[in-house]
Protein backbone atom coordinates (compact mmCIF):
# COMPACT_ATOMS: atom_id res chain seq x y z
CA MET A 1 -0.37 -0.05 0.09
CA ASP A 2 1.53 3.81 -0.99
CA THR A 3 1.61 6.39 1.07
CA LEU A 4 0.78 9.98 0.79
CA VAL A 5 3.82 10.86 3.38
CA ASN A 6 6.45 8.71 4.43
CA PHE A 7 6.60 10.05 8.14
CA GLN A 8 10.03 7.76 8.60
CA ARG A 9 11.85 10.31 6.57
CA ALA A 10 9.93 13.55 7.18
CA GLU A 11 12.58 16.30 7.81
CA PRO A 12 12.01 17.75 11.32
CA ARG A 13 11.78 20.86 9.56
CA PHE A 14 8.17 23.28 8.69
CA PRO A 15 7.18 26.36 8.28
CA GLY A 16 6.51 27.67 10.77
CA GLN A 17 8.61 26.45 13.85
CA PHE A 18 9.90 29.95 13.95
CA SER A 19 6.50 30.98 15.22
CA THR A 20 6.02 27.50 17.41
CA ARG A 21 9.25 28.61 19.32
CA GLY A 22 7.64 31.76 19.21
CA ASN A 23 4.68 30.78 21.26
CA ILE A 24 6.02 28.44 23.87
CA GLY A 25 8.32 32.30 24.42
CA GLY A 26 5.01 33.73 24.44
CA LEU A 27 3.45 31.32 26.63
CA SER A 28 5.39 29.84 28.90
CA MET A 29 5.69 34.19 29.52
CA GLN A 30 2.23 34.22 29.98
CA LEU A 31 2.73 31.23 32.97
CA ALA A 32 5.40 33.90 34.77
CA LYS A 33 3.41 36.67 34.37
CA LEU A 34 0.21 34.31 36.19
CA GLY A 35 2.14 33.38 38.85
CA ALA A 36 3.45 36.80 39.94
CA GLN A 37 -0.64 37.51 39.62
CA ILE A 38 -1.62 35.18 42.69
CA GLY A 39 1.82 35.62 43.69
CA TRP A 40 3.89 31.90 42.78
CA VAL A 41 6.87 34.01 41.07
CA ASP A 42 8.38 36.88 42.94
CA SER A 43 7.93 39.65 40.05
CA GLY A 44 9.95 42.69 40.09
CA PRO A 45 9.90 46.47 37.96
CA ALA A 46 9.90 46.39 34.17
CA LEU A 47 12.66 45.53 32.35
CA TRP A 48 11.92 48.11 29.50
CA ASP A 49 9.23 49.17 28.06
CA THR A 50 8.26 48.91 23.94
CA ASN A 51 4.71 50.62 24.05
CA TRP A 52 6.38 53.36 21.98
CA VAL A 53 7.46 51.13 19.29
CA VAL A 54 3.97 48.67 18.81
CA SER A 55 1.33 49.65 22.12
CA GLU A 56 -0.25 46.37 23.64
CA ARG A 57 -3.75 47.90 23.03
CA SER A 58 -3.39 48.69 18.95
CA TRP A 59 -4.75 45.62 16.74
CA LEU A 60 -1.08 45.13 16.03
CA GLY A 61 0.13 44.39 19.45
CA GLN A 62 -2.85 42.35 20.39
CA LEU A 63 -2.27 40.43 17.37
CA LEU A 64 1.98 40.20 18.48
CA HIS A 65 0.04 38.86 22.05
CA ALA A 66 -1.98 36.12 20.30
CA LEU A 67 0.57 35.02 18.35
CA PHE A 68 3.68 35.61 20.11
CA GLY A 69 2.40 36.30 24.25
CA TYR A 70 4.35 39.85 23.18
CA ASP A 71 4.32 42.18 26.33
CA ALA A 72 5.73 45.37 26.12
CA ASN A 73 6.61 45.99 29.86
CA PRO A 74 7.80 42.61 30.35
CA ASP A 75 9.72 41.79 34.04
CA ALA A 76 12.75 39.63 34.86
CA ALA A 77 10.56 37.06 35.65
CA GLN A 78 8.50 37.01 32.66
CA ALA A 79 11.95 37.69 30.75
CA ALA A 80 13.75 34.24 31.75
CA PHE A 81 10.67 32.42 31.41
CA TYR A 82 10.49 32.99 27.92
CA PHE A 83 14.45 32.98 27.28
CA VAL A 84 15.24 29.70 28.86
CA SER A 85 11.67 28.11 27.76
CA LEU A 86 13.25 29.22 23.99
CA GLY A 87 16.88 27.41 24.27
CA ALA A 88 15.09 24.47 26.22
CA VAL A 89 12.87 23.90 22.42
CA CYS A 90 16.04 25.23 20.11
CA LEU A 91 18.03 22.77 22.16
CA VAL A 92 15.09 19.82 21.62
CA ALA A 93 15.07 20.89 17.66
CA ALA A 94 19.33 21.24 17.13
CA ILE A 95 19.79 17.52 19.22
CA ARG A 96 16.61 16.39 16.37
CA VAL A 97 17.86 18.05 13.63
CA GLY A 98 21.49 16.00 14.62
CA LEU A 99 23.71 19.06 14.73
CA LEU A 100 24.51 18.24 18.37
CA ARG A 101 26.27 14.35 17.64
CA ASP A 102 28.66 13.12 19.41
CA SER A 103 32.09 13.68 17.19
CA SER A 104 33.79 11.03 19.44
CA ARG A 105 31.54 7.92 18.04
CA ALA A 106 31.98 8.96 14.21
């Protein structure tokens, strides 16, 4: 029986890989924000303010928030959650693609 897609040899890359990584980072950033609101994560002052570039209340800001978890005033916990989760996803992707192979086994 012929199949339309050979899943055994499918490439791990796909057109939306960068948006998926952004989604995961944004979701983790929102998790940090919710954790701060209920008192599980300490939140500090905002690290930066990008409302002058893209306001959170504009249609573009709301779209970026929905797609990537955009926050114009992230605190340190949100930034840490974002970059740690983004790094973990990139590490897993690099391992799956084979960029991080043990050169001594060759």
